[in-house]
Amino acid sequence: MAFLKQQVIEKLDDLSESALQDVLNLIEFQQDTKPYKLSAEEKSAIQEGIDDIEAGNHHTNEAVEKEMLKCLKK
């Protein structure tokens, strides 16, 4: 365990400030046992997606892949 911890510390020394913040966020997220609370904006975006699906405004992966292949052949 001590060797693994030392390896992690050495890797952290080389990371940028932004990458360090990402690592810290990940560690804090892993340690958080409280359920995630959605913001009003997130709830609205989810509802918008649900409404789109119910209205038939969506595509299957197969349809998207076919369309991409057509575009790539041009």
Foldseek 3Di string as FASTA:
>chain_A
DVVVVVVVVVVLVPDDPVVVVVVVVVVVVVPDPDDDDDDPVRVVVVVVVVVCVVVVNDDDPVVVVVVVVVVVVD
